[in-house]
Amino acid sequence: MAIAVVAGAVFAPIGGLTAGIITYIEYAKHPLPKGAALKEAIRSGVVAVFVLIALAAVFGLFMGWR
């Protein structure tokens, strides 16, 4: 279980950064208020990090029960 959580903690920020970059690129294409694309990119990245860590923890728990 610990290995899955550590792997999630290591790779989740990479996934969050990637999600943030992709969101920023997509939102920057549209005419939005100043700073809206960056705000959405940060929000998307943070949500992605939490989701990926949670998935790693659930996977670790599942593997620990087997």
C-alpha atoms as a PDB file:
ATOM      1  CA  MET A   1       0.000   0.000   0.000  1.00  0.00           C
ATOM      2  CA  ALA A   2       2.746   2.437   0.896  1.00  0.00           C
ATOM      3  CA  ILE A   3       4.408   2.025  -2.486  1.00  0.00           C
ATOM      4  CA  ALA A   4       1.205   3.018  -4.307  1.00  0.00           C
ATOM      5  CA  VAL A   5       0.736   6.082  -2.122  1.00  0.00           C
ATOM      6  CA  VAL A   6       4.367   7.138  -2.580  1.00  0.00           C
ATOM      7  CA  ALA A   7       4.068   6.605  -6.333  1.00  0.00           C
ATOM      8  CA  GLY A   8       0.893   8.688  -6.318  1.00  0.00           C
ATOM      9  CA  ALA A   9       2.628  11.425  -4.354  1.00  0.00           C
ATOM     10  CA  VAL A  10       5.500  11.426  -6.842  1.00  0.00           C
ATOM     11  CA  PHE A  11       3.529  11.259 -10.088  1.00  0.00           C
ATOM     12  CA  ALA A  12       0.405  13.217  -9.129  1.00  0.00           C
ATOM     13  CA  PRO A  13       2.123  16.623  -9.336  1.00  0.00           C
ATOM     14  CA  ILE A  14       3.348  15.730 -12.816  1.00  0.00           C
ATOM     15  CA  GLY A  15      -0.213  14.887 -13.841  1.00  0.00           C
ATOM     16  CA  GLY A  16      -1.495  18.059 -12.196  1.00  0.00           C
ATOM     17  CA  LEU A  17       1.062  20.185 -13.992  1.00  0.00           C
ATOM     18  CA  THR A  18       0.157  18.557 -17.289  1.00  0.00           C
ATOM     19  CA  ALA A  19      -3.554  19.126 -16.687  1.00  0.00           C
ATOM     20  CA  GLY A  20      -2.880  22.751 -15.799  1.00  0.00           C
ATOM     21  CA  ILE A  21      -0.818  23.352 -18.923  1.00  0.00           C
ATOM     22  CA  ILE A  22      -3.408  21.770 -21.192  1.00  0.00           C
ATOM     23  CA  THR A  23      -6.211  23.739 -19.527  1.00  0.00           C
ATOM     24  CA  TYR A  24      -4.289  26.996 -19.886  1.00  0.00           C
ATOM     25  CA  ILE A  25      -3.596  26.364 -23.572  1.00  0.00           C
ATOM     26  CA  GLU A  26      -7.249  25.613 -24.269  1.00  0.00           C
ATOM     27  CA  TYR A  27      -8.665  28.497 -22.224  1.00  0.00           C
ATOM     28  CA  ALA A  28      -6.143  30.998 -23.633  1.00  0.00           C
ATOM     29  CA  LYS A  29      -7.643  30.467 -27.096  1.00  0.00           C
ATOM     30  CA  HIS A  30     -10.898  32.119 -26.022  1.00  0.00           C
ATOM     31  CA  PRO A  31     -11.568  35.760 -25.167  1.00  0.00           C
ATOM     32  CA  LEU A  32     -11.884  35.613 -21.382  1.00  0.00           C
ATOM     33  CA  PRO A  33     -11.396  38.221 -18.666  1.00  0.00           C
ATOM     34  CA  LYS A  34      -7.787  38.872 -17.723  1.00  0.00           C
ATOM     35  CA  GLY A  35      -6.382  36.096 -15.550  1.00  0.00           C
ATOM     36  CA  ALA A  36      -9.313  33.709 -16.065  1.00  0.00           C
ATOM     37  CA  ALA A  37      -7.287  31.185 -18.052  1.00  0.00           C
ATOM     38  CA  LEU A  38      -4.562  31.080 -15.407  1.00  0.00           C
ATOM     39  CA  LYS A  39      -7.097  30.736 -12.591  1.00  0.00           C
ATOM     40  CA  GLU A  40      -8.811  27.826 -14.345  1.00  0.00           C
ATOM     41  CA  ALA A  41      -5.451  26.187 -15.100  1.00  0.00           C
ATOM     42  CA  ILE A  42      -4.414  26.340 -11.446  1.00  0.00           C
ATOM     43  CA  ARG A  43      -7.790  24.996 -10.324  1.00  0.00           C
ATOM     44  CA  SER A  44      -7.582  22.157 -12.846  1.00  0.00           C
ATOM     45  CA  GLY A  45      -4.058  21.237 -11.775  1.00  0.00           C
ATOM     46  CA  VAL A  46      -4.926  21.192  -8.072  1.00  0.00           C
ATOM     47  CA  VAL A  47      -7.996  19.030  -8.652  1.00  0.00           C
ATOM     48  CA  ALA A  48      -5.952  16.632 -10.789  1.00  0.00           C
ATOM     49  CA  VAL A  49      -3.323  16.262  -8.042  1.00  0.00           C
ATOM     50  CA  PHE A  50      -5.926  15.424  -5.396  1.00  0.00           C
ATOM     51  CA  VAL A  51      -7.750  12.984  -7.665  1.00  0.00           C
ATOM     52  CA  LEU A  52      -4.548  11.182  -8.640  1.00  0.00           C
ATOM     53  CA  ILE A  53      -3.390  10.887  -5.020  1.00  0.00           C
ATOM     54  CA  ALA A  54      -6.822   9.571  -4.012  1.00  0.00           C
ATOM     55  CA  LEU A  55      -6.753   7.014  -6.824  1.00  0.00           C
ATOM     56  CA  ALA A  56      -3.286   5.864  -5.778  1.00  0.00           C
ATOM     57  CA  ALA A  57      -4.454   5.506  -2.173  1.00  0.00           C
ATOM     58  CA  VAL A  58      -7.529   3.506  -3.182  1.00  0.00           C
ATOM     59  CA  PHE A  59      -5.382   1.288  -5.390  1.00  0.00           C
ATOM     60  CA  GLY A  60      -2.951   0.805  -2.499  1.00  0.00           C
ATOM     61  CA  LEU A  61      -5.776  -0.150  -0.151  1.00  0.00           C
ATOM     62  CA  PHE A  62      -7.171  -2.578  -2.717  1.00  0.00           C
ATOM     63  CA  MET A  63      -3.774  -4.218  -3.191  1.00  0.00           C
ATOM     64  CA  GLY A  64      -3.238  -4.337   0.578  1.00  0.00           C
ATOM     65  CA  TRP A  65      -6.474  -6.267   1.124  1.00  0.00           C
ATOM     66  CA  ARG A  66      -5.607  -8.961  -1.388  1.00  0.00           C
END
